[in-house]
Amino acid sequence: MSTPYQERALGAPIVDAATEAYWNAAREGVLRIKRCTACAKVHWYPRALCPYCLGDTAWEDASGLGAIYSVSVTRRAGPIPYAIAYVALDEGVTMLTNIVDADLDALRIGDRVKVCFKAAEGGFAVPMFAPA
């Protein structure tokens, strides 16, 4: 069985003070993550304080490379199937995302992926991942 990826409409993300820099970078095709300035641990999702030590955080560009940690093809939630996955970035954080531009049934845990950006409402770009 083969399930090819199909484009679907993406709504605009909710932007607030904690995520504005992230979404602005995504518009430029850059994936950003946060690193704690006190303990140096990286984390995902964007937030003002480090979840490990409550220290201040700073943005840094991620490589956009990683591996599928877990993946599932959703066939009933909408008009077209899509792959939802946890991707472990090479920097050490894990993101919940979609896998695109691939045969969804061929995706496997451990597959290498790279970030790509899909257009959303309001001129936003949403980071997703495709086979590397």
N, C-alpha and C. Protein backbone atom coordinates (compact mmCIF):
# COMPACT_ATOMS: atom_id res chain seq x y z
N MET A 1 0.84 -1.18 0.00
CA MET A 1 0.00 0.00 0.00
C MET A 1 0.88 1.24 0.00
N SER A 2 0.44 2.25 -0.69
CA SER A 2 1.18 3.50 -0.76
C SER A 2 0.23 4.66 -0.48
N THR A 3 0.64 5.57 0.37
CA THR A 3 -0.15 6.76 0.67
C THR A 3 0.71 7.98 0.39
N PRO A 4 0.57 8.59 -0.77
CA PRO A 4 1.38 9.76 -1.08
C PRO A 4 0.95 10.97 -0.26
N TYR A 5 1.90 11.84 0.03
CA TYR A 5 1.61 13.08 0.73
C TYR A 5 0.77 13.98 -0.17
N GLN A 6 -0.23 14.63 0.42
CA GLN A 6 -1.06 15.61 -0.29
C GLN A 6 -1.04 16.91 0.49
N GLU A 7 -0.89 18.02 -0.23
CA GLU A 7 -0.93 19.33 0.42
C GLU A 7 -2.29 19.53 1.08
N ARG A 8 -2.30 20.24 2.20
CA ARG A 8 -3.55 20.59 2.86
C ARG A 8 -3.44 22.00 3.42
N ALA A 9 -4.57 22.65 3.58
CA ALA A 9 -4.58 24.02 4.09
C ALA A 9 -4.13 24.02 5.55
N LEU A 10 -3.30 24.99 5.89
CA LEU A 10 -2.82 25.14 7.26
C LEU A 10 -3.29 26.47 7.82
N GLY A 11 -3.87 26.46 8.98
CA GLY A 11 -4.30 27.68 9.64
C GLY A 11 -3.12 28.47 10.17
N ALA A 12 -3.36 29.74 10.42
CA ALA A 12 -2.31 30.59 10.98
C ALA A 12 -2.02 30.18 12.42
N PRO A 13 -0.77 30.17 12.82
CA PRO A 13 -0.44 29.85 14.21
C PRO A 13 -0.85 30.98 15.15
N ILE A 14 -0.99 30.67 16.41
CA ILE A 14 -1.23 31.70 17.42
C ILE A 14 0.13 32.24 17.84
N VAL A 15 0.32 33.53 17.63
CA VAL A 15 1.61 34.16 17.91
C VAL A 15 1.48 35.00 19.18
N ASP A 16 2.44 34.84 20.08
CA ASP A 16 2.50 35.68 21.28
C ASP A 16 3.94 36.13 21.49
N ALA A 17 4.18 36.83 22.56
CA ALA A 17 5.52 37.38 22.81
C ALA A 17 6.58 36.28 22.89
N ALA A 18 6.22 35.11 23.40
CA ALA A 18 7.18 34.02 23.56
C ALA A 18 7.52 33.34 22.24
N THR A 19 6.63 33.44 21.24
CA THR A 19 6.84 32.71 19.99
C THR A 19 7.04 33.59 18.76
N GLU A 20 6.92 34.89 18.92
CA GLU A 20 7.01 35.79 17.76
C GLU A 20 8.33 35.64 17.00
N ALA A 21 9.45 35.59 17.69
CA ALA A 21 10.75 35.45 17.02
C ALA A 21 10.84 34.11 16.28
N TYR A 22 10.25 33.08 16.84
CA TYR A 22 10.23 31.77 16.21
C TYR A 22 9.49 31.83 14.88
N TRP A 23 8.29 32.40 14.87
CA TRP A 23 7.48 32.45 13.64
C TRP A 23 8.09 33.39 12.62
N ASN A 24 8.72 34.47 13.07
CA ASN A 24 9.40 35.37 12.13
C ASN A 24 10.57 34.65 11.44
N ALA A 25 11.32 33.86 12.20
CA ALA A 25 12.43 33.09 11.62
C ALA A 25 11.90 32.04 10.64
N ALA A 26 10.80 31.40 11.00
CA ALA A 26 10.21 30.38 10.12
C ALA A 26 9.82 30.98 8.77
N ARG A 27 9.32 32.21 8.78
CA ARG A 27 8.99 32.89 7.52
C ARG A 27 10.21 33.02 6.62
N GLU A 28 11.38 33.11 7.25
CA GLU A 28 12.64 33.25 6.51
C GLU A 28 13.28 31.89 6.21
N GLY A 29 12.61 30.81 6.59
CA GLY A 29 13.14 29.47 6.32
C GLY A 29 14.17 29.00 7.33
N VAL A 30 14.09 29.53 8.55
CA VAL A 30 15.05 29.17 9.60
C VAL A 30 14.31 28.54 10.78
N LEU A 31 14.76 27.36 11.21
CA LEU A 31 14.20 26.71 12.39
C LEU A 31 15.01 27.15 13.60
N ARG A 32 14.31 27.66 14.62
CA ARG A 32 14.99 28.12 15.81
C ARG A 32 14.52 27.33 17.02
N ILE A 33 15.44 27.15 17.96
CA ILE A 33 15.14 26.51 19.23
C ILE A 33 15.70 27.39 20.34
N LYS A 34 15.31 27.08 21.56
CA LYS A 34 15.79 27.85 22.71
C LYS A 34 16.86 27.07 23.46
N ARG A 35 17.85 27.82 23.98
CA ARG A 35 18.89 27.25 24.83
C ARG A 35 18.94 28.08 26.10
N CYS A 36 19.09 27.42 27.22
CA CYS A 36 19.18 28.11 28.51
C CYS A 36 20.55 28.77 28.64
N THR A 37 20.56 30.02 29.06
CA THR A 37 21.83 30.73 29.25
C THR A 37 22.51 30.34 30.57
N ALA A 38 21.79 29.64 31.46
CA ALA A 38 22.37 29.22 32.74
C ALA A 38 22.88 27.78 32.68
N CYS A 39 22.03 26.84 32.28
CA CYS A 39 22.43 25.42 32.30
C CYS A 39 22.81 24.89 30.91
N ALA A 40 22.61 25.68 29.87
CA ALA A 40 22.99 25.37 28.48
C ALA A 40 22.16 24.25 27.83
N LYS A 41 21.09 23.81 28.48
CA LYS A 41 20.24 22.78 27.87
C LYS A 41 19.33 23.40 26.82
N VAL A 42 19.13 22.67 25.73
CA VAL A 42 18.18 23.11 24.71
C VAL A 42 16.81 22.54 25.05
N HIS A 43 15.78 23.25 24.60
CA HIS A 43 14.42 22.76 24.83
C HIS A 43 13.49 23.19 23.71
N TRP A 44 12.43 22.48 23.62
CA TRP A 44 11.36 22.77 22.68
C TRP A 44 10.07 22.50 23.42
N TYR A 45 9.18 23.31 23.41
CA TYR A 45 8.66 24.38 22.60
C TYR A 45 9.14 25.71 23.14
N PRO A 46 8.99 26.78 22.36
CA PRO A 46 9.49 28.09 22.81
C PRO A 46 8.79 28.57 24.08
N ARG A 47 9.59 28.98 25.04
CA ARG A 47 9.07 29.58 26.27
C ARG A 47 10.14 30.47 26.86
N ALA A 48 9.73 31.38 27.70
CA ALA A 48 10.64 32.41 28.21
C ALA A 48 11.66 31.87 29.20
N LEU A 49 11.26 30.90 30.03
CA LEU A 49 12.15 30.37 31.06
C LEU A 49 12.50 28.91 30.77
N CYS A 50 13.71 28.55 31.15
CA CYS A 50 14.17 27.17 30.98
C CYS A 50 13.30 26.22 31.81
N PRO A 51 12.81 25.13 31.21
CA PRO A 51 12.00 24.18 31.98
C PRO A 51 12.82 23.33 32.95
N TYR A 52 14.15 23.38 32.83
CA TYR A 52 15.01 22.57 33.69
C TYR A 52 15.47 23.32 34.94
N CYS A 53 15.80 24.62 34.76
CA CYS A 53 16.35 25.36 35.91
C CYS A 53 15.71 26.74 36.10
N LEU A 54 14.77 27.10 35.25
CA LEU A 54 14.07 28.39 35.26
C LEU A 54 14.99 29.56 34.91
N GLY A 55 16.13 29.27 34.28
CA GLY A 55 17.02 30.32 33.82
C GLY A 55 16.49 31.01 32.57
N ASP A 56 17.15 32.10 32.21
CA ASP A 56 16.80 32.81 30.98
C ASP A 56 17.19 31.97 29.77
N THR A 57 16.52 32.22 28.67
CA THR A 57 16.79 31.47 27.45
C THR A 57 17.14 32.40 26.31
N ALA A 58 17.80 31.84 25.31
CA ALA A 58 18.17 32.60 24.11
C ALA A 58 17.88 31.73 22.89
N TRP A 59 17.51 32.39 21.80
CA TRP A 59 17.25 31.69 20.55
C TRP A 59 18.55 31.28 19.88
N GLU A 60 18.52 30.14 19.20
CA GLU A 60 19.63 29.76 18.33
C GLU A 60 19.07 29.01 17.13
N ASP A 61 19.77 29.12 16.02
CA ASP A 61 19.35 28.41 14.81
C ASP A 61 19.64 26.93 14.97
N ALA A 62 18.68 26.11 14.58
CA ALA A 62 18.87 24.66 14.57
C ALA A 62 19.33 24.23 13.19
N SER A 63 19.97 23.09 13.12
CA SER A 63 20.42 22.56 11.83
C SER A 63 19.25 22.16 10.95
N GLY A 64 18.13 21.80 11.58
CA GLY A 64 16.98 21.32 10.81
C GLY A 64 17.07 19.86 10.44
N LEU A 65 18.06 19.16 10.99
CA LEU A 65 18.25 17.74 10.70
C LEU A 65 17.90 16.91 11.93
N GLY A 66 17.33 15.73 11.69
CA GLY A 66 16.99 14.86 12.79
C GLY A 66 16.56 13.50 12.31
N ALA A 67 15.92 12.75 13.21
CA ALA A 67 15.45 11.41 12.89
C ALA A 67 14.05 11.22 13.46
N ILE A 68 13.27 10.41 12.77
CA ILE A 68 11.92 10.12 13.26
C ILE A 68 12.03 9.26 14.52
N TYR A 69 11.44 9.75 15.60
CA TYR A 69 11.40 9.02 16.87
C TYR A 69 10.15 8.15 16.95
N SER A 70 9.04 8.69 16.44
CA SER A 70 7.77 7.98 16.40
C SER A 70 6.93 8.58 15.29
N VAL A 71 6.13 7.76 14.61
CA VAL A 71 5.32 8.27 13.50
C VAL A 71 4.01 7.50 13.41
N SER A 72 2.96 8.20 13.02
CA SER A 72 1.66 7.59 12.81
C SER A 72 0.97 8.29 11.65
N VAL A 73 0.35 7.53 10.78
CA VAL A 73 -0.41 8.10 9.67
C VAL A 73 -1.87 8.19 10.11
N THR A 74 -2.39 9.40 10.11
CA THR A 74 -3.77 9.65 10.50
C THR A 74 -4.64 9.67 9.25
N ARG A 75 -5.61 8.81 9.21
CA ARG A 75 -6.44 8.69 8.01
C ARG A 75 -7.88 9.16 8.23
N ARG A 76 -8.32 9.35 9.44
CA ARG A 76 -9.73 9.65 9.69
C ARG A 76 -9.99 11.06 10.20
N ALA A 77 -9.00 11.81 10.54
CA ALA A 77 -9.21 13.13 11.14
C ALA A 77 -9.55 14.22 10.14
N GLY A 78 -9.39 13.97 8.88
CA GLY A 78 -9.67 15.00 7.90
C GLY A 78 -9.92 14.39 6.54
N PRO A 79 -10.01 15.24 5.56
CA PRO A 79 -10.30 14.72 4.22
C PRO A 79 -9.13 13.99 3.57
N ILE A 80 -7.92 14.25 4.03
CA ILE A 80 -6.75 13.57 3.45
C ILE A 80 -5.86 13.04 4.57
N PRO A 81 -5.16 11.95 4.35
CA PRO A 81 -4.27 11.42 5.38
C PRO A 81 -3.04 12.31 5.56
N TYR A 82 -2.48 12.26 6.75
CA TYR A 82 -1.24 12.98 7.02
C TYR A 82 -0.44 12.20 8.07
N ALA A 83 0.87 12.44 8.09
CA ALA A 83 1.75 11.76 9.04
C ALA A 83 2.12 12.72 10.15
N ILE A 84 1.82 12.33 11.37
CA ILE A 84 2.23 13.09 12.54
C ILE A 84 3.37 12.32 13.19
N ALA A 85 4.39 13.05 13.64
CA ALA A 85 5.58 12.37 14.14
C ALA A 85 6.28 13.19 15.22
N TYR A 86 7.00 12.49 16.05
CA TYR A 86 8.00 13.13 16.90
C TYR A 86 9.32 13.00 16.15
N VAL A 87 10.00 14.12 15.97
CA VAL A 87 11.31 14.14 15.34
C VAL A 87 12.33 14.58 16.37
N ALA A 88 13.36 13.76 16.56
CA ALA A 88 14.47 14.09 17.46
C ALA A 88 15.51 14.85 16.65
N LEU A 89 15.63 16.15 16.92
CA LEU A 89 16.62 16.95 16.21
C LEU A 89 18.03 16.58 16.66
N ASP A 90 18.99 16.80 15.78
CA ASP A 90 20.39 16.51 16.11
C ASP A 90 20.86 17.33 17.32
N GLU A 91 20.21 18.46 17.58
CA GLU A 91 20.58 19.30 18.73
C GLU A 91 20.12 18.72 20.06
N GLY A 92 19.22 17.72 20.02
CA GLY A 92 18.83 17.07 21.26
C GLY A 92 17.40 17.31 21.71
N VAL A 93 16.63 18.09 20.99
CA VAL A 93 15.23 18.29 21.36
C VAL A 93 14.33 17.45 20.46
N THR A 94 13.13 17.18 20.93
CA THR A 94 12.17 16.41 20.16
C THR A 94 10.96 17.29 19.88
N MET A 95 10.57 17.34 18.61
CA MET A 95 9.45 18.18 18.17
C MET A 95 8.30 17.32 17.68
N LEU A 96 7.08 17.72 18.00
CA LEU A 96 5.89 17.12 17.40
C LEU A 96 5.64 17.87 16.10
N THR A 97 5.50 17.14 14.99
CA THR A 97 5.46 17.78 13.68
C THR A 97 4.75 16.87 12.69
N ASN A 98 4.74 17.28 11.44
CA ASN A 98 4.23 16.45 10.35
C ASN A 98 5.39 16.07 9.44
N ILE A 99 5.30 14.88 8.84
CA ILE A 99 6.25 14.45 7.82
C ILE A 99 5.55 14.64 6.48
N VAL A 100 6.22 15.30 5.54
CA VAL A 100 5.62 15.66 4.26
C VAL A 100 6.51 15.23 3.11
N ASP A 101 5.97 15.38 1.90
CA ASP A 101 6.73 15.11 0.67
C ASP A 101 7.33 13.70 0.64
N ALA A 102 6.53 12.72 1.06
CA ALA A 102 7.00 11.33 1.12
C ALA A 102 5.82 10.39 0.97
N ASP A 103 6.12 9.12 0.70
CA ASP A 103 5.11 8.07 0.79
C ASP A 103 4.90 7.83 2.28
N LEU A 104 3.73 8.20 2.79
CA LEU A 104 3.49 8.15 4.22
C LEU A 104 3.59 6.73 4.79
N ASP A 105 3.27 5.73 3.97
CA ASP A 105 3.35 4.35 4.44
C ASP A 105 4.77 3.81 4.48
N ALA A 106 5.70 4.51 3.87
CA ALA A 106 7.10 4.07 3.85
C ALA A 106 7.91 4.65 5.00
N LEU A 107 7.34 5.55 5.79
CA LEU A 107 8.07 6.19 6.88
C LEU A 107 8.35 5.18 8.00
N ARG A 108 9.56 5.27 8.55
CA ARG A 108 9.97 4.34 9.60
C ARG A 108 10.70 5.09 10.72
N ILE A 109 10.58 4.56 11.92
CA ILE A 109 11.35 5.10 13.04
C ILE A 109 12.82 5.01 12.69
N GLY A 110 13.55 6.08 12.96
CA GLY A 110 14.97 6.14 12.67
C GLY A 110 15.29 6.79 11.33
N ASP A 111 14.29 6.95 10.45
CA ASP A 111 14.55 7.62 9.16
C ASP A 111 15.06 9.03 9.40
N ARG A 112 16.08 9.42 8.64
CA ARG A 112 16.62 10.77 8.72
C ARG A 112 15.69 11.73 7.98
N VAL A 113 15.50 12.90 8.57
CA VAL A 113 14.62 13.91 7.99
C VAL A 113 15.28 15.28 8.09
N LYS A 114 14.76 16.21 7.28
CA LYS A 114 15.25 17.59 7.31
C LYS A 114 14.04 18.52 7.31
N VAL A 115 14.21 19.67 7.90
CA VAL A 115 13.11 20.63 7.99
C VAL A 115 12.78 21.21 6.62
N CYS A 116 11.52 21.48 6.42
CA CYS A 116 11.04 22.24 5.27
C CYS A 116 9.90 23.10 5.80
N PHE A 117 9.51 24.09 5.08
CA PHE A 117 8.49 25.01 5.56
C PHE A 117 7.31 25.03 4.61
N LYS A 118 6.12 24.89 5.17
CA LYS A 118 4.88 24.89 4.38
C LYS A 118 4.10 26.17 4.69
N ALA A 119 3.54 26.76 3.63
CA ALA A 119 2.79 28.01 3.77
C ALA A 119 1.51 27.79 4.57
N ALA A 120 1.22 28.77 5.42
CA ALA A 120 -0.01 28.76 6.23
C ALA A 120 -0.74 30.09 6.02
N GLU A 121 -1.96 30.16 6.51
CA GLU A 121 -2.74 31.39 6.41
C GLU A 121 -1.98 32.55 7.05
N GLY A 122 -2.23 33.75 6.55
CA GLY A 122 -1.63 34.94 7.14
C GLY A 122 -0.18 35.16 6.78
N GLY A 123 0.33 34.44 5.79
CA GLY A 123 1.72 34.61 5.39
C GLY A 123 2.72 33.88 6.26
N PHE A 124 2.25 33.04 7.15
CA PHE A 124 3.15 32.30 8.02
C PHE A 124 3.71 31.08 7.30
N ALA A 125 4.80 30.54 7.84
CA ALA A 125 5.40 29.30 7.35
C ALA A 125 5.50 28.36 8.55
N VAL A 126 5.08 27.13 8.35
CA VAL A 126 5.07 26.14 9.42
C VAL A 126 6.16 25.11 9.16
N PRO A 127 7.08 24.92 10.13
CA PRO A 127 8.12 23.91 9.92
C PRO A 127 7.55 22.50 9.99
N MET A 128 7.91 21.72 8.99
CA MET A 128 7.56 20.31 8.94
C MET A 128 8.83 19.59 8.49
N PHE A 129 8.77 18.30 8.33
CA PHE A 129 9.97 17.56 7.98
C PHE A 129 9.71 16.64 6.80
N ALA A 130 10.74 16.46 5.98
CA ALA A 130 10.70 15.59 4.81
C ALA A 130 11.91 14.67 4.86
N PRO A 131 11.86 13.54 4.17
CA PRO A 131 13.02 12.65 4.15
C PRO A 131 14.29 13.40 3.73
N ALA A 132 15.39 13.11 4.43
CA ALA A 132 16.67 13.79 4.13
C ALA A 132 17.35 13.13 2.95
